[in-house]
Protein backbone atom coordinates (compact mmCIF):
# COMPACT_ATOMS: atom_id res chain seq x y z
CA VAL A 1 11.17 -10.94 1.40
CA GLN A 2 7.37 -12.67 0.59
CA LEU A 3 4.82 -9.79 1.13
CA GLN A 4 1.16 -11.22 1.36
CA ALA A 5 -1.58 -8.31 1.22
CA SER A 6 -4.95 -8.43 2.88
CA GLY A 7 -7.97 -6.32 4.46
CA GLY A 8 -9.53 -5.10 0.49
CA GLY A 9 -12.87 -5.01 0.36
CA LEU A 10 -16.10 -3.59 -0.77
CA VAL A 11 -17.21 0.20 0.79
CA GLN A 12 -19.22 3.17 0.30
CA ALA A 13 -17.66 6.24 -0.80
CA GLY A 14 -16.88 8.36 2.22
CA GLY A 15 -16.34 5.23 4.12
CA SER A 16 -12.17 3.47 5.03
CA LEU A 17 -10.30 0.79 4.90
CA ARG A 18 -7.38 -0.85 6.32
CA LEU A 19 -4.61 -2.65 4.14
CA SER A 20 -1.97 -4.77 5.95
CA CYS A 21 1.52 -6.34 4.37
CA ALA A 22 3.06 -9.13 6.49
CA ALA A 23 6.30 -9.45 5.02
CA SER A 24 8.42 -12.92 5.74
CA GLY A 25 12.03 -14.27 4.97
CA ARG A 26 14.37 -11.30 5.93
CA THR A 27 14.32 -8.30 8.59
CA PHE A 28 11.56 -6.35 7.34
CA SER A 29 12.58 -2.96 9.68
CA SER A 30 15.51 -3.18 6.79
CA TYR A 31 13.62 -2.96 3.14
CA SER A 32 11.28 0.12 2.32
CA MET A 33 8.05 0.55 2.05
CA GLY A 34 6.14 0.78 -0.82
CA TRP A 35 2.53 0.46 -2.18
CA PHE A 36 0.27 0.58 -5.85
CA ARG A 37 -2.49 -0.10 -7.25
CA GLN A 38 -3.71 -0.62 -10.91
CA ALA A 39 -7.43 0.06 -11.78
CA PRO A 40 -8.63 -1.76 -14.79
CA GLY A 41 -7.35 -1.07 -17.98
CA LYS A 42 -5.10 1.63 -16.42
CA ASP A 43 -1.37 1.44 -15.51
CA ARG A 44 0.12 0.23 -12.31
CA GLU A 45 0.67 3.34 -9.84
CA PHE A 46 2.37 4.68 -6.94
CA VAL A 47 0.35 5.40 -3.44
CA ALA A 48 2.93 5.62 -0.75
CA ALA A 49 6.04 4.60 0.57
CA MET A 50 7.54 4.98 3.17
CA LEU A 51 11.52 3.60 5.61
CA TRP A 52 11.15 3.78 9.29
CA SER A 53 9.14 7.05 9.98
CA GLY A 54 6.88 9.33 8.25
CA GLY A 55 5.61 8.34 4.42
CA TYR A 56 5.40 9.54 1.28
CA TYR A 57 2.15 10.01 -1.78
CA ALA A 58 0.56 10.46 -4.18
CA ASP A 59 -1.19 14.14 -4.59
CA SER A 60 -4.64 11.89 -5.64
CA VAL A 61 -4.55 9.80 -1.94
CA LYS A 62 -2.11 12.44 0.17
CA GLY A 63 -4.77 13.56 3.30
CA ARG A 64 -6.52 10.76 2.57
CA PHE A 65 -4.56 7.70 3.04
CA THR A 66 -1.51 6.94 6.08
CA ILE A 67 1.39 4.71 5.62
CA SER A 68 2.63 3.24 8.43
CA ARG A 69 4.44 -0.15 9.51
CA ASP A 70 5.54 -2.47 12.88
CA ASN A 71 8.77 -3.66 12.88
CA ALA A 72 8.01 -5.67 15.74
CA MET A 73 5.06 -8.20 13.85
CA ASN A 74 6.77 -7.65 10.48
CA THR A 75 3.48 -6.09 8.88
CA GLY A 76 3.03 -2.34 7.22
CA TYR A 77 -0.04 -1.04 6.80
CA LEU A 78 -2.09 1.32 4.32
CA GLN A 79 -5.29 3.45 6.27
CA MET A 80 -7.45 4.50 3.80
CA ASN A 81 -9.94 7.16 4.75
CA SER A 82 -12.46 9.36 2.67
CA LEU A 83 -12.19 6.82 0.19
CA LYS A 84 -13.35 7.82 -3.41
CA PRO A 85 -14.92 5.15 -6.41
CA GLU A 86 -11.73 6.79 -8.41
CA ASP A 87 -9.75 4.32 -5.46
CA THR A 88 -10.74 1.34 -6.87
CA ALA A 89 -8.02 -0.87 -7.90
CA VAL A 90 -6.30 -3.51 -6.65
CA TYR A 91 -3.57 -2.59 -4.54
CA TYR A 92 -0.43 -3.85 -4.12
CA CYS A 93 2.73 -3.74 -1.43
CA ALA A 94 6.17 -3.83 -2.11
CA ALA A 95 9.54 -3.48 -0.32
CA ARG A 96 13.45 -2.96 -1.57
CA PRO A 97 16.81 -2.29 0.26
CA GLY A 98 17.23 1.07 0.54
CA ARG A 99 15.42 4.47 0.44
CA PRO A 100 11.34 4.68 -0.84
CA ILE A 101 10.55 5.81 -4.23
CA PRO A 102 7.56 6.65 -6.47
CA THR A 103 8.89 4.61 -9.13
CA MET A 104 7.89 0.98 -9.98
CA GLU A 105 11.50 -0.55 -8.67
CA TYR A 106 10.86 -2.58 -5.72
CA ASP A 107 12.35 -6.21 -5.38
CA TYR A 108 9.37 -7.50 -3.98
CA TRP A 109 6.01 -8.23 -4.43
CA GLY A 110 3.01 -8.70 -2.68
CA GLN A 111 -0.03 -10.51 -4.53
CA GLY A 112 -2.43 -7.92 -4.16
CA THR A 113 -6.38 -6.79 -2.48
CA GLN A 114 -9.62 -5.94 -4.39
CA VAL A 115 -10.55 -2.60 -2.99
CA THR A 116 -13.60 -2.00 -4.56
CA VAL A 117 -15.31 1.43 -3.69
CA SER A 118 -18.88 1.75 -4.48
CA SER A 119 -20.53 5.60 -4.92
């Protein structure tokens, strides 16, 4: 699976962005999808993950971010609302066979897209 993340940018605190993750190469619908982020000087951390419906979220984004996917379009999304300066990071999408997990054990990774939230 090849993944291409996009949709990052500069936004003011309180604003919204929607990240996209375009997948190609295999049947995307059979893979769990995850979003992770890495802020400068920090480790990469889990943001959200899902398989077919619902989603699992880090406590820091719960109620503000929503993960979703359109299997017909082979694309996953991360809707980010009420953004805070501490959400500033490079965001990565990832995929793995099997159930979604909140750790780094994903087999496929996109290249990352920068999200910057100004105060």
